[in-house]
Structure formats: C-alpha cells, structure tokens
Amino acid sequence: MVAQRFLTLVDVAEILNVSVSQTRAMVRSGELPAIQVGGRGQWRVERAVLEEYIAEAYRRSAAATGSQDPDQV
C-alpha cells in the first residue's frame, strides 16, 4: 500500500490527537502550512510538511524544557 502524499484535516487531527476545528485554526493562522485544492477549496496538508511540523514542535518543547528549572518539569 502506497502512503498518501496529502492528508485531509480529519487525518491530521487524528494524527495529532486534536479536534478538526483546532487543526483548521492551525492551518488558517499559518502555523501549519497547507494548500487548498478542488472547486470547494478543501484543505490538504502534505505528509512531509506535517512530519516537519511535529519535529519542530519537539524542538520547541525541548528548548522550553531546557530553559526551565529541572525540578519544575
């Protein structure tokens, strides 16, 4: 089975374990890059872009954790 290149917002929400409305807000704010396709302008997120978004979230979390007192984590 070939992995899909583009994911729906429902797929992204499931992967991130957040609601579809939260995912849509992330896309509309520009936090999560996406494209609109088709006559109805449905949003799609490229799988590679989502993986980079997740990796960046890990980097931000690590940086934030590293700057805090270890006893507070």
Protein backbone atom coordinates (compact mmCIF):
# COMPACT_ATOMS: atom_id res chain seq x y z
CA MET A 1 0.00 0.00 0.00
CA VAL A 2 1.38 3.39 -1.01
CA ALA A 3 1.26 6.17 1.60
CA GLN A 4 -0.78 9.20 0.57
CA ARG A 5 1.19 12.37 -0.10
CA PHE A 6 -1.59 14.70 1.08
CA LEU A 7 -3.73 14.36 4.18
CA THR A 8 -7.17 15.78 4.93
CA LEU A 9 -7.70 17.91 8.01
CA VAL A 10 -9.53 14.95 9.55
CA ASP A 11 -6.43 12.80 9.01
CA VAL A 12 -4.16 15.47 10.51
CA ALA A 13 -6.46 15.94 13.51
CA GLU A 14 -6.39 12.19 14.15
CA ILE A 15 -2.59 12.02 13.89
CA LEU A 16 -2.12 14.99 16.26
CA ASN A 17 -4.97 13.84 18.52
CA VAL A 18 -6.70 17.23 18.35
CA SER A 19 -10.08 18.32 17.01
CA VAL A 20 -10.68 19.13 13.36
CA SER A 21 -11.57 22.70 14.35
CA GLN A 22 -8.20 23.07 16.11
CA THR A 23 -6.47 21.72 13.01
CA ARG A 24 -8.39 24.14 10.79
CA ALA A 25 -7.40 27.04 13.05
CA MET A 26 -3.73 25.98 12.84
CA VAL A 27 -3.95 25.98 9.04
CA ARG A 28 -5.80 29.30 8.79
CA SER A 29 -3.33 31.01 11.13
CA GLY A 30 -0.41 29.76 9.05
CA GLU A 31 1.01 27.71 11.93
CA LEU A 32 0.57 24.54 9.86
CA PRO A 33 1.21 25.03 6.12
CA ALA A 34 -1.47 23.60 3.84
CA ILE A 35 -2.93 24.03 0.36
CA GLN A 36 -6.46 24.35 -0.90
CA VAL A 37 -7.49 22.02 -3.71
CA GLY A 38 -10.54 21.40 -5.82
CA GLY A 39 -13.53 23.52 -6.62
CA ARG A 40 -14.64 23.57 -3.00
CA GLY A 41 -11.24 24.67 -1.70
CA GLN A 42 -10.71 21.76 0.65
CA TRP A 43 -7.53 21.92 2.71
CA ARG A 44 -4.76 19.35 2.35
CA VAL A 45 -1.54 19.01 4.34
CA GLU A 46 1.45 17.32 2.78
CA ARG A 47 2.62 14.38 4.90
CA ALA A 48 6.25 15.62 4.82
CA VAL A 49 5.14 19.08 6.00
CA LEU A 50 3.23 17.52 8.90
CA GLU A 51 6.26 15.46 9.89
CA GLU A 52 8.43 18.61 9.87
CA TYR A 53 5.78 20.45 11.92
CA ILE A 54 5.89 17.65 14.51
CA ALA A 55 9.72 17.67 14.56
CA GLU A 56 9.73 21.44 15.06
CA ALA A 57 7.22 21.10 17.92
CA TYR A 58 9.61 18.64 19.58
CA ARG A 59 12.49 21.12 19.14
CA ARG A 60 10.44 23.97 20.65
CA SER A 61 9.42 21.76 23.57
CA ALA A 62 13.00 20.69 24.21
CA ALA A 63 14.20 24.29 24.12
CA ALA A 64 11.45 25.38 26.50
CA THR A 65 12.13 22.49 28.86
CA GLY A 66 15.87 23.13 28.80
CA SER A 67 15.39 26.73 29.86
CA GLN A 68 13.29 25.81 32.92
CA ASP A 69 14.36 24.64 36.35
CA PRO A 70 14.61 20.81 36.04
CA ASP A 71 12.62 20.39 39.28
CA GLN A 72 9.63 22.16 37.69
CA VAL A 73 9.36 19.80 34.70
